[in-house]
Amino acid sequence: MRTRDKLAAELRRVAEIASPENAAKYEAFAIRASTGEFDDYADTYVCPITQFHSELTAAGFTKFAARVAAGEFDATKEESDEWARSSSGQDAAKQLSPEMRKLLGLDLIN
């Protein structure tokens, strides 16, 4: 299961037991999460998962924010590899020295 799907499902699970007002907010987060907006490697924010944490905290959802901070919804190795092969990942890799690419395990595809 992709991290975005896991995150959206968990937000919806919490929404089921939340007050109606908070349930609507959790559902709104779930919709955004399901698009990949908060994925570690999304091009949506400088640091999407940090943005998500900030928004959760601002909404008063500190327990869920703590789970995010603890890494429960961090990208998987497979998602990292997928990003490394993407145009965004390749653009980032091209900006690094060959030594840094080797250290980080980022290969240029072409």
PDB file of N, CA and C in Angstrom:
ATOM      1  N   MET A   1       0.845  -1.179   0.000  1.00  0.00           N
ATOM      2  CA  MET A   1       0.000   0.000   0.000  1.00  0.00           C
ATOM      3  C   MET A   1       0.890   1.241   0.000  1.00  0.00           C
ATOM      4  N   ARG A   2       0.564   2.154  -0.871  1.00  0.00           N
ATOM      5  CA  ARG A   2       1.322   3.408  -0.928  1.00  0.00           C
ATOM      6  C   ARG A   2       1.100   4.203   0.365  1.00  0.00           C
ATOM      7  N   THR A   3       2.110   4.957   0.736  1.00  0.00           N
ATOM      8  CA  THR A   3       2.028   5.757   1.958  1.00  0.00           C
ATOM      9  C   THR A   3       0.843   6.704   1.908  1.00  0.00           C
ATOM     10  N   ARG A   4       0.588   7.307   0.773  1.00  0.00           N
ATOM     11  CA  ARG A   4      -0.544   8.245   0.666  1.00  0.00           C
ATOM     12  C   ARG A   4      -1.876   7.548   0.979  1.00  0.00           C
ATOM     13  N   ASP A   5      -2.011   6.316   0.528  1.00  0.00           N
ATOM     14  CA  ASP A   5      -3.238   5.563   0.786  1.00  0.00           C
ATOM     15  C   ASP A   5      -3.348   5.180   2.261  1.00  0.00           C
ATOM     16  N   LYS A   6      -2.223   4.792   2.848  1.00  0.00           N
ATOM     17  CA  LYS A   6      -2.193   4.465   4.280  1.00  0.00           C
ATOM     18  C   LYS A   6      -2.572   5.698   5.101  1.00  0.00           C
ATOM     19  N   LEU A   7      -2.003   6.849   4.740  1.00  0.00           N
ATOM     20  CA  LEU A   7      -2.282   8.094   5.457  1.00  0.00           C
ATOM     21  C   LEU A   7      -3.754   8.476   5.311  1.00  0.00           C
ATOM     22  N   ALA A   8      -4.281   8.452   4.105  1.00  0.00           N
ATOM     23  CA  ALA A   8      -5.680   8.819   3.882  1.00  0.00           C
ATOM     24  C   ALA A   8      -6.614   7.877   4.650  1.00  0.00           C
ATOM     25  N   ALA A   9      -6.311   6.587   4.632  1.00  0.00           N
ATOM     26  CA  ALA A   9      -7.146   5.615   5.351  1.00  0.00           C
ATOM     27  C   ALA A   9      -7.122   5.875   6.849  1.00  0.00           C
ATOM     28  N   GLU A  10      -5.968   6.199   7.377  1.00  0.00           N
ATOM     29  CA  GLU A  10      -5.867   6.445   8.822  1.00  0.00           C
ATOM     30  C   GLU A  10      -6.581   7.745   9.201  1.00  0.00           C
ATOM     31  N   LEU A  11      -6.478   8.758   8.369  1.00  0.00           N
ATOM     32  CA  LEU A  11      -7.215  10.003   8.632  1.00  0.00           C
ATOM     33  C   LEU A  11      -8.720   9.732   8.637  1.00  0.00           C
ATOM     34  N   ARG A  12      -9.177   8.909   7.728  1.00  0.00           N
ATOM     35  CA  ARG A  12     -10.609   8.571   7.672  1.00  0.00           C
ATOM     36  C   ARG A  12     -11.023   7.723   8.882  1.00  0.00           C
ATOM     37  N   ARG A  13     -10.139   6.832   9.331  1.00  0.00           N
ATOM     38  CA  ARG A  13     -10.436   6.030  10.510  1.00  0.00           C
ATOM     39  C   ARG A  13     -10.614   6.934  11.731  1.00  0.00           C
ATOM     40  N   VAL A  14      -9.726   7.903  11.880  1.00  0.00           N
ATOM     41  CA  VAL A  14      -9.822   8.843  12.996  1.00  0.00           C
ATOM     42  C   VAL A  14     -11.069   9.711  12.847  1.00  0.00           C
ATOM     43  N   ALA A  15     -11.398  10.093  11.631  1.00  0.00           N
ATOM     44  CA  ALA A  15     -12.599  10.909  11.400  1.00  0.00           C
ATOM     45  C   ALA A  15     -13.858  10.201  11.879  1.00  0.00           C
ATOM     46  N   GLU A  16     -13.881   8.881  11.763  1.00  0.00           N
ATOM     47  CA  GLU A  16     -15.060   8.114  12.171  1.00  0.00           C
ATOM     48  C   GLU A  16     -15.367   8.233  13.663  1.00  0.00           C
ATOM     49  N   ILE A  17     -14.349   8.475  14.464  1.00  0.00           N
ATOM     50  CA  ILE A  17     -14.556   8.557  15.908  1.00  0.00           C
ATOM     51  C   ILE A  17     -14.451   9.991  16.441  1.00  0.00           C
ATOM     52  N   ALA A  18     -14.233  10.943  15.546  1.00  0.00           N
ATOM     53  CA  ALA A  18     -14.082  12.346  15.944  1.00  0.00           C
ATOM     54  C   ALA A  18     -15.449  13.032  16.007  1.00  0.00           C
ATOM     55  N   SER A  19     -15.449  14.198  16.622  1.00  0.00           N
ATOM     56  CA  SER A  19     -16.664  15.017  16.631  1.00  0.00           C
ATOM     57  C   SER A  19     -17.002  15.385  15.186  1.00  0.00           C
ATOM     58  N   PRO A  20     -18.257  15.719  14.902  1.00  0.00           N
ATOM     59  CA  PRO A  20     -18.620  16.065  13.519  1.00  0.00           C
ATOM     60  C   PRO A  20     -17.754  17.172  12.922  1.00  0.00           C
ATOM     61  N   GLU A  21     -17.448  18.191  13.708  1.00  0.00           N
ATOM     62  CA  GLU A  21     -16.614  19.293  13.202  1.00  0.00           C
ATOM     63  C   GLU A  21     -15.210  18.800  12.850  1.00  0.00           C
ATOM     64  N   ASN A  22     -14.608  18.042  13.759  1.00  0.00           N
ATOM     65  CA  ASN A  22     -13.266  17.522  13.506  1.00  0.00           C
ATOM     66  C   ASN A  22     -13.277  16.453  12.424  1.00  0.00           C
ATOM     67  N   ALA A  23     -14.350  15.675  12.348  1.00  0.00           N
ATOM     68  CA  ALA A  23     -14.453  14.647  11.308  1.00  0.00           C
ATOM     69  C   ALA A  23     -14.368  15.284   9.926  1.00  0.00           C
ATOM     70  N   ALA A  24     -15.019  16.414   9.751  1.00  0.00           N
ATOM     71  CA  ALA A  24     -14.974  17.106   8.458  1.00  0.00           C
ATOM     72  C   ALA A  24     -13.555  17.576   8.131  1.00  0.00           C
ATOM     73  N   LYS A  25     -12.849  18.045   9.151  1.00  0.00           N
ATOM     74  CA  LYS A  25     -11.463  18.489   8.940  1.00  0.00           C
ATOM     75  C   LYS A  25     -10.559  17.307   8.605  1.00  0.00           C
ATOM     76  N   TYR A  26     -10.724  16.192   9.329  1.00  0.00           N
ATOM     77  CA  TYR A  26      -9.926  14.997   9.029  1.00  0.00           C
ATOM     78  C   TYR A  26     -10.217  14.500   7.619  1.00  0.00           C
ATOM     79  N   GLU A  27     -11.472  14.527   7.212  1.00  0.00           N
ATOM     80  CA  GLU A  27     -11.831  14.083   5.860  1.00  0.00           C
ATOM     81  C   GLU A  27     -11.194  14.996   4.813  1.00  0.00           C
ATOM     82  N   ALA A  28     -11.176  16.292   5.069  1.00  0.00           N
ATOM     83  CA  ALA A  28     -10.534  17.229   4.139  1.00  0.00           C
ATOM     84  C   ALA A  28      -9.045  16.916   4.015  1.00  0.00           C
ATOM     85  N   PHE A  29      -8.398  16.617   5.136  1.00  0.00           N
ATOM     86  CA  PHE A  29      -6.992  16.206   5.087  1.00  0.00           C
ATOM     87  C   PHE A  29      -6.848  14.897   4.317  1.00  0.00           C
ATOM     88  N   ALA A  30      -7.770  13.971   4.526  1.00  0.00           N
ATOM     89  CA  ALA A  30      -7.704  12.672   3.842  1.00  0.00           C
ATOM     90  C   ALA A  30      -7.796  12.833   2.331  1.00  0.00           C
ATOM     91  N   ILE A  31      -8.668  13.713   1.888  1.00  0.00           N
ATOM     92  CA  ILE A  31      -8.804  13.963   0.448  1.00  0.00           C
ATOM     93  C   ILE A  31      -7.496  14.493  -0.115  1.00  0.00           C
ATOM     94  N   ARG A  32      -6.908  15.441   0.572  1.00  0.00           N
ATOM     95  CA  ARG A  32      -5.633  16.009   0.121  1.00  0.00           C
ATOM     96  C   ARG A  32      -4.528  14.963   0.167  1.00  0.00           C
ATOM     97  N   ALA A  33      -4.494  14.171   1.234  1.00  0.00           N
ATOM     98  CA  ALA A  33      -3.460  13.135   1.373  1.00  0.00           C
ATOM     99  C   ALA A  33      -3.572  12.105   0.252  1.00  0.00           C
ATOM    100  N   SER A  34      -4.791  11.752  -0.126  1.00  0.00           N
ATOM    101  CA  SER A  34      -4.975  10.723  -1.154  1.00  0.00           C
ATOM    102  C   SER A  34      -4.447  11.151  -2.512  1.00  0.00           C
ATOM    103  N   THR A  35      -4.266  12.446  -2.720  1.00  0.00           N
ATOM    104  CA  THR A  35      -3.705  12.936  -3.986  1.00  0.00           C
ATOM    105  C   THR A  35      -2.181  12.904  -3.987  1.00  0.00           C
ATOM    106  N   GLY A  36      -1.599  12.650  -2.818  1.00  0.00           N
ATOM    107  CA  GLY A  36      -0.144  12.661  -2.696  1.00  0.00           C
ATOM    108  C   GLY A  36       0.421  14.006  -2.299  1.00  0.00           C
ATOM    109  N   GLU A  37      -0.445  14.929  -1.936  1.00  0.00           N
ATOM    110  CA  GLU A  37      -0.002  16.287  -1.602  1.00  0.00           C
ATOM    111  C   GLU A  37       1.041  16.312  -0.486  1.00  0.00           C
ATOM    112  N   PHE A  38       0.944  15.372   0.461  1.00  0.00           N
ATOM    113  CA  PHE A  38       1.850  15.376   1.606  1.00  0.00           C
ATOM    114  C   PHE A  38       2.931  14.302   1.522  1.00  0.00           C
ATOM    115  N   ASP A  39       3.043  13.641   0.373  1.00  0.00           N
ATOM    116  CA  ASP A  39       4.086  12.624   0.201  1.00  0.00           C
ATOM    117  C   ASP A  39       5.462  13.247   0.390  1.00  0.00           C
ATOM    118  N   ASP A  40       6.367  12.495   0.991  1.00  0.00           N
ATOM    119  CA  ASP A  40       7.729  12.987   1.220  1.00  0.00           C
ATOM    120  C   ASP A  40       8.368  13.533  -0.054  1.00  0.00           C
ATOM    121  N   TYR A  41       8.078  12.917  -1.176  1.00  0.00           N
ATOM    122  CA  TYR A  41       8.750  13.301  -2.420  1.00  0.00           C
ATOM    123  C   TYR A  41       7.855  14.076  -3.370  1.00  0.00           C
ATOM    124  N   ALA A  42       6.748  14.612  -2.876  1.00  0.00           N
ATOM    125  CA  ALA A  42       5.864  15.418  -3.716  1.00  0.00           C
ATOM    126  C   ALA A  42       6.525  16.763  -4.013  1.00  0.00           C
ATOM    127  N   ASP A  43       6.151  17.329  -5.113  1.00  0.00           N
ATOM    128  CA  ASP A  43       6.663  18.648  -5.497  1.00  0.00           C
ATOM    129  C   ASP A  43       5.735  19.769  -5.028  1.00  0.00           C
ATOM    130  N   THR A  44       4.917  19.493  -4.042  1.00  0.00           N
ATOM    131  CA  THR A  44       3.903  20.445  -3.595  1.00  0.00           C
ATOM    132  C   THR A  44       4.432  21.523  -2.649  1.00  0.00           C
ATOM    133  N   TYR A  45       5.339  21.143  -1.773  1.00  0.00           N
ATOM    134  CA  TYR A  45       5.918  22.059  -0.786  1.00  0.00           C
ATOM    135  C   TYR A  45       7.409  21.761  -0.682  1.00  0.00           C
ATOM    136  N   VAL A  46       8.148  22.667  -0.060  1.00  0.00           N
ATOM    137  CA  VAL A  46       9.569  22.415   0.158  1.00  0.00           C
ATOM    138  C   VAL A  46       9.746  21.103   0.917  1.00  0.00           C
ATOM    139  N   CYS A  47       8.937  20.903   1.942  1.00  0.00           N
ATOM    140  CA  CYS A  47       8.955  19.655   2.714  1.00  0.00           C
ATOM    141  C   CYS A  47       7.498  19.290   3.016  1.00  0.00           C
ATOM    142  N   PRO A  48       6.876  18.494   2.150  1.00  0.00           N
ATOM    143  CA  PRO A  48       5.445  18.228   2.288  1.00  0.00           C
ATOM    144  C   PRO A  48       5.023  17.641   3.630  1.00  0.00           C
ATOM    145  N   ILE A  49       5.791  16.726   4.184  1.00  0.00           N
ATOM    146  CA  ILE A  49       5.380  16.102   5.437  1.00  0.00           C
ATOM    147  C   ILE A  49       5.474  17.102   6.597  1.00  0.00           C
ATOM    148  N   THR A  50       6.416  18.036   6.518  1.00  0.00           N
ATOM    149  CA  THR A  50       6.519  19.097   7.519  1.00  0.00           C
ATOM    150  C   THR A  50       5.340  20.061   7.382  1.00  0.00           C
ATOM    151  N   GLN A  51       4.961  20.355   6.160  1.00  0.00           N
ATOM    152  CA  GLN A  51       3.780  21.190   5.913  1.00  0.00           C
ATOM    153  C   GLN A  51       2.539  20.543   6.527  1.00  0.00           C
ATOM    154  N   PHE A  52       2.398  19.242   6.306  1.00  0.00           N
ATOM    155  CA  PHE A  52       1.257  18.507   6.852  1.00  0.00           C
ATOM    156  C   PHE A  52       1.268  18.569   8.382  1.00  0.00           C
ATOM    157  N   HIS A  53       2.425  18.345   8.973  1.00  0.00           N
ATOM    158  CA  HIS A  53       2.562  18.427  10.431  1.00  0.00           C
ATOM    159  C   HIS A  53       2.136  19.812  10.932  1.00  0.00           C
ATOM    160  N   SER A  54       2.581  20.848  10.260  1.00  0.00           N
ATOM    161  CA  SER A  54       2.234  22.220  10.661  1.00  0.00           C
ATOM    162  C   SER A  54       0.728  22.458  10.577  1.00  0.00           C
ATOM    163  N   GLU A  55       0.120  21.961   9.504  1.00  0.00           N
ATOM    164  CA  GLU A  55      -1.326  22.151   9.336  1.00  0.00           C
ATOM    165  C   GLU A  55      -2.117  21.359  10.377  1.00  0.00           C
ATOM    166  N   LEU A  56      -1.668  20.152  10.677  1.00  0.00           N
ATOM    167  CA  LEU A  56      -2.327  19.368  11.718  1.00  0.00           C
ATOM    168  C   LEU A  56      -2.249  20.083  13.062  1.00  0.00           C
ATOM    169  N   THR A  57      -1.067  20.592  13.376  1.00  0.00           N
ATOM    170  CA  THR A  57      -0.863  21.294  14.642  1.00  0.00           C
ATOM    171  C   THR A  57      -1.753  22.534  14.711  1.00  0.00           C
ATOM    172  N   ALA A  58      -1.821  23.286  13.623  1.00  0.00           N
ATOM    173  CA  ALA A  58      -2.656  24.484  13.585  1.00  0.00           C
ATOM    174  C   ALA A  58      -4.138  24.137  13.766  1.00  0.00           C
ATOM    175  N   ALA A  59      -4.535  22.958  13.292  1.00  0.00           N
ATOM    176  CA  ALA A  59      -5.925  22.511  13.438  1.00  0.00           C
ATOM    177  C   ALA A  59      -6.209  21.951  14.828  1.00  0.00           C
ATOM    178  N   GLY A  60      -5.158  21.820  15.640  1.00  0.00           N
ATOM    179  CA  GLY A  60      -5.319  21.288  16.986  1.00  0.00           C
ATOM    180  C   GLY A  60      -5.234  19.772  17.063  1.00  0.00           C
ATOM    181  N   PHE A  61      -4.797  19.140  15.983  1.00  0.00           N
ATOM    182  CA  PHE A  61      -4.696  17.684  15.936  1.00  0.00           C
ATOM    183  C   PHE A  61      -3.290  17.242  16.338  1.00  0.00           C
ATOM    184  N   THR A  62      -2.932  17.550  17.578  1.00  0.00           N
ATOM    185  CA  THR A  62      -1.560  17.334  18.027  1.00  0.00           C
ATOM    186  C   THR A  62      -1.190  15.849  18.153  1.00  0.00           C
ATOM    187  N   LYS A  63      -2.145  15.000  18.491  1.00  0.00           N
ATOM    188  CA  LYS A  63      -1.833  13.566  18.585  1.00  0.00           C
ATOM    189  C   LYS A  63      -1.502  12.997  17.212  1.00  0.00           C
ATOM    190  N   PHE A  64      -2.282  13.369  16.203  1.00  0.00           N
ATOM    191  CA  PHE A  64      -1.986  12.887  14.857  1.00  0.00           C
ATOM    192  C   PHE A  64      -0.680  13.516  14.362  1.00  0.00           C
ATOM    193  N   ALA A  65      -0.469  14.784  14.682  1.00  0.00           N
ATOM    194  CA  ALA A  65       0.777  15.452  14.295  1.00  0.00           C
ATOM    195  C   ALA A  65       1.983  14.746  14.907  1.00  0.00           C
ATOM    196  N   ALA A  66       1.849  14.266  16.125  1.00  0.00           N
ATOM    197  CA  ALA A  66       2.948  13.540  16.782  1.00  0.00           C
ATOM    198  C   ALA A  66       3.248  12.240  16.042  1.00  0.00           C
ATOM    199  N   ARG A  67       2.221  11.585  15.536  1.00  0.00           N
ATOM    200  CA  ARG A  67       2.429  10.358  14.759  1.00  0.00           C
ATOM    201  C   ARG A  67       3.185  10.674  13.468  1.00  0.00           C
ATOM    202  N   VAL A  68       2.851  11.791  12.859  1.00  0.00           N
ATOM    203  CA  VAL A  68       3.554  12.223  11.644  1.00  0.00           C
ATOM    204  C   VAL A  68       5.016  12.513  11.981  1.00  0.00           C
ATOM    205  N   ALA A  69       5.245  13.251  13.060  1.00  0.00           N
ATOM    206  CA  ALA A  69       6.610  13.595  13.474  1.00  0.00           C
ATOM    207  C   ALA A  69       7.430  12.350  13.811  1.00  0.00           C
ATOM    208  N   ALA A  70       6.768  11.324  14.305  1.00  0.00           N
ATOM    209  CA  ALA A  70       7.459  10.081  14.671  1.00  0.00           C
ATOM    210  C   ALA A  70       7.814   9.233  13.445  1.00  0.00           C
ATOM    211  N   GLY A  71       7.362   9.653  12.263  1.00  0.00           N
ATOM    212  CA  GLY A  71       7.739   8.953  11.034  1.00  0.00           C
ATOM    213  C   GLY A  71       6.782   7.876  10.581  1.00  0.00           C
ATOM    214  N   GLU A  72       5.626   7.791  11.209  1.00  0.00           N
ATOM    215  CA  GLU A  72       4.673   6.728  10.870  1.00  0.00           C
ATOM    216  C   GLU A  72       4.234   6.784   9.408  1.00  0.00           C
ATOM    217  N   PHE A  73       4.253   7.968   8.816  1.00  0.00           N
ATOM    218  CA  PHE A  73       3.771   8.123   7.447  1.00  0.00           C
ATOM    219  C   PHE A  73       4.873   8.563   6.481  1.00  0.00           C
ATOM    220  N   ASP A  74       6.115   8.249   6.841  1.00  0.00           N
ATOM    221  CA  ASP A  74       7.234   8.541   5.951  1.00  0.00           C
ATOM    222  C   ASP A  74       7.192   7.621   4.730  1.00  0.00           C
ATOM    223  N   ALA A  75       7.749   8.091   3.643  1.00  0.00           N
ATOM    224  CA  ALA A  75       7.781   7.310   2.411  1.00  0.00           C
ATOM    225  C   ALA A  75       8.573   6.021   2.600  1.00  0.00           C
ATOM    226  N   THR A  76       8.215   5.030   1.815  1.00  0.00           N
ATOM    227  CA  THR A  76       8.919   3.750   1.838  1.00  0.00           C
ATOM    228  C   THR A  76      10.152   3.820   0.939  1.00  0.00           C
ATOM    229  N   LYS A  77      11.004   2.832   1.063  1.00  0.00           N
ATOM    230  CA  LYS A  77      12.183   2.731   0.194  1.00  0.00           C
ATOM    231  C   LYS A  77      11.751   2.651  -1.266  1.00  0.00           C
ATOM    232  N   GLU A  78      10.685   1.911  -1.531  1.00  0.00           N
ATOM    233  CA  GLU A  78      10.186   1.786  -2.910  1.00  0.00           C
ATOM    234  C   GLU A  78       9.728   3.134  -3.455  1.00  0.00           C
ATOM    235  N   GLU A  79       9.074   3.927  -2.612  1.00  0.00           N
ATOM    236  CA  GLU A  79       8.644   5.256  -3.048  1.00  0.00           C
ATOM    237  C   GLU A  79       9.840   6.176  -3.269  1.00  0.00           C
ATOM    238  N   SER A  80      10.853   6.014  -2.444  1.00  0.00           N
ATOM    239  CA  SER A  80      12.087   6.779  -2.624  1.00  0.00           C
ATOM    240  C   SER A  80      12.740   6.429  -3.959  1.00  0.00           C
ATOM    241  N   ASP A  81      12.817   5.144  -4.250  1.00  0.00           N
ATOM    242  CA  ASP A  81      13.417   4.703  -5.516  1.00  0.00           C
ATOM    243  C   ASP A  81      12.610   5.194  -6.717  1.00  0.00           C
ATOM    244  N   GLU A  82      11.295   5.158  -6.582  1.00  0.00           N
ATOM    245  CA  GLU A  82      10.419   5.650  -7.657  1.00  0.00           C
ATOM    246  C   GLU A  82      10.692   7.127  -7.923  1.00  0.00           C
ATOM    247  N   TRP A  83      10.810   7.905  -6.847  1.00  0.00           N
ATOM    248  CA  TRP A  83      11.109   9.327  -6.998  1.00  0.00           C
ATOM    249  C   TRP A  83      12.477   9.526  -7.652  1.00  0.00           C
ATOM    250  N   ALA A  84      13.457   8.741  -7.246  1.00  0.00           N
ATOM    251  CA  ALA A  84      14.812   8.888  -7.796  1.00  0.00           C
ATOM    252  C   ALA A  84      14.814   8.682  -9.305  1.00  0.00           C
ATOM    253  N   ARG A  85      13.910   7.864  -9.807  1.00  0.00           N
ATOM    254  CA  ARG A  85      13.819   7.616 -11.256  1.00  0.00           C
ATOM    255  C   ARG A  85      12.955   8.656 -11.971  1.00  0.00           C
ATOM    256  N   SER A  86      12.187   9.431 -11.213  1.00  0.00           N
ATOM    257  CA  SER A  86      11.292  10.427 -11.821  1.00  0.00           C
ATOM    258  C   SER A  86      12.073  11.620 -12.346  1.00  0.00           C
ATOM    259  N   SER A  87      11.397  12.460 -13.111  1.00  0.00           N
ATOM    260  CA  SER A  87      12.073  13.658 -13.635  1.00  0.00           C
ATOM    261  C   SER A  87      12.519  14.570 -12.493  1.00  0.00           C
ATOM    262  N   SER A  88      11.712  14.696 -11.435  1.00  0.00           N
ATOM    263  CA  SER A  88      12.115  15.522 -10.286  1.00  0.00           C
ATOM    264  C   SER A  88      13.356  14.959  -9.609  1.00  0.00           C
ATOM    265  N   GLY A  89      13.373  13.656  -9.417  1.00  0.00           N
ATOM    266  CA  GLY A  89      14.525  13.013  -8.794  1.00  0.00           C
ATOM    267  C   GLY A  89      15.773  13.133  -9.641  1.00  0.00           C
ATOM    268  N   GLN A  90      15.604  12.959 -10.936  1.00  0.00           N
ATOM    269  CA  GLN A  90      16.751  13.073 -11.831  1.00  0.00           C
ATOM    270  C   GLN A  90      17.267  14.508 -11.889  1.00  0.00           C
ATOM    271  N   ASP A  91      16.350  15.480 -11.872  1.00  0.00           N
ATOM    272  CA  ASP A  91      16.772  16.890 -11.845  1.00  0.00           C
ATOM    273  C   ASP A  91      17.571  17.184 -10.578  1.00  0.00           C
ATOM    274  N   ALA A  92      17.106  16.657  -9.453  1.00  0.00           N
ATOM    275  CA  ALA A  92      17.827  16.863  -8.185  1.00  0.00           C
ATOM    276  C   ALA A  92      19.190  16.179  -8.235  1.00  0.00           C
ATOM    277  N   ALA A  93      19.239  14.978  -8.774  1.00  0.00           N
ATOM    278  CA  ALA A  93      20.498  14.234  -8.843  1.00  0.00           C
ATOM    279  C   ALA A  93      21.517  14.952  -9.715  1.00  0.00           C
ATOM    280  N   LYS A  94      21.062  15.570 -10.784  1.00  0.00           N
ATOM    281  CA  LYS A  94      21.971  16.277 -11.702  1.00  0.00           C
ATOM    282  C   LYS A  94      22.637  17.470 -11.034  1.00  0.00           C
ATOM    283  N   GLN A  95      22.015  18.000  -9.993  1.00  0.00           N
ATOM    284  CA  GLN A  95      22.581  19.158  -9.292  1.00  0.00           C
ATOM    285  C   GLN A  95      23.650  18.758  -8.280  1.00  0.00           C
ATOM    286  N   LEU A  96      23.806  17.472  -8.058  1.00  0.00           N
ATOM    287  CA  LEU A  96      24.779  16.978  -7.084  1.00  0.00           C
ATOM    288  C   LEU A  96      26.070  16.547  -7.769  1.00  0.00           C
ATOM    289  N   SER A  97      27.131  16.582  -7.027  1.00  0.00           N
ATOM    290  CA  SER A  97      28.399  16.077  -7.561  1.00  0.00           C
ATOM    291  C   SER A  97      28.302  14.557  -7.693  1.00  0.00           C
ATOM    292  N   PRO A  98      29.135  13.970  -8.547  1.00  0.00           N
ATOM    293  CA  PRO A  98      29.134  12.506  -8.661  1.00  0.00           C
ATOM    294  C   PRO A  98      29.374  11.821  -7.317  1.00  0.00           C
ATOM    295  N   GLU A  99      30.204  12.421  -6.481  1.00  0.00           N
ATOM    296  CA  GLU A  99      30.490  11.843  -5.164  1.00  0.00           C
ATOM    297  C   GLU A  99      29.236  11.830  -4.282  1.00  0.00           C
ATOM    298  N   MET A 100      28.488  12.917  -4.303  1.00  0.00           N
ATOM    299  CA  MET A 100      27.261  12.989  -3.506  1.00  0.00           C
ATOM    300  C   MET A 100      26.204  12.026  -4.048  1.00  0.00           C
ATOM    301  N   ARG A 101      26.086  11.944  -5.368  1.00  0.00           N
ATOM    302  CA  ARG A 101      25.133  10.988  -5.947  1.00  0.00           C
ATOM    303  C   ARG A 101      25.465   9.574  -5.512  1.00  0.00           C
ATOM    304  N   LYS A 102      26.749   9.243  -5.522  1.00  0.00           N
ATOM    305  CA  LYS A 102      27.166   7.899  -5.111  1.00  0.00           C
ATOM    306  C   LYS A 102      26.843   7.673  -3.637  1.00  0.00           C
ATOM    307  N   LEU A 103      27.145   8.653  -2.809  1.00  0.00           N
ATOM    308  CA  LEU A 103      26.887   8.554  -1.380  1.00  0.00           C
ATOM    309  C   LEU A 103      25.394   8.347  -1.089  1.00  0.00           C
ATOM    310  N   LEU A 104      24.551   9.048  -1.851  1.00  0.00           N
ATOM    311  CA  LEU A 104      23.105   8.956  -1.646  1.00  0.00           C
ATOM    312  C   LEU A 104      22.449   7.829  -2.442  1.00  0.00           C
ATOM    313  N   GLY A 105      23.220   7.206  -3.297  1.00  0.00           N
ATOM    314  CA  GLY A 105      22.663   6.115  -4.103  1.00  0.00           C
ATOM    315  C   GLY A 105      21.758   6.621  -5.211  1.00  0.00           C
ATOM    316  N   LEU A 106      22.011   7.818  -5.698  1.00  0.00           N
ATOM    317  CA  LEU A 106      21.218   8.380  -6.805  1.00  0.00           C
ATOM    318  C   LEU A 106      21.975   8.195  -8.116  1.00  0.00           C
ATOM    319  N   ASP A 107      21.435   7.403  -8.986  1.00  0.00           N
ATOM    320  CA  ASP A 107      22.053   7.174 -10.284  1.00  0.00           C
ATOM    321  C   ASP A 107      21.348   8.009 -11.335  1.00  0.00           C
ATOM    322  N   LEU A 108      22.134   8.539 -12.252  1.00  0.00           N
ATOM    323  CA  LEU A 108      21.538   9.229 -13.398  1.00  0.00           C
ATOM    324  C   LEU A 108      21.098   8.163 -14.408  1.00  0.00           C
ATOM    325  N   ILE A 109      19.879   8.296 -14.870  1.00  0.00           N
ATOM    326  CA  ILE A 109      19.360   7.327 -15.834  1.00  0.00           C
ATOM    327  C   ILE A 109      19.931   7.601 -17.207  1.00  0.00           C
ATOM    328  N   ASN A 110      20.068   8.854 -17.532  1.00  0.00           N
ATOM    329  CA  ASN A 110      20.684   9.226 -18.808  1.00  0.00           C
ATOM    330  C   ASN A 110      21.100  10.665 -18.811  1.00  0.00           C
TER     331      ASN A 110
END
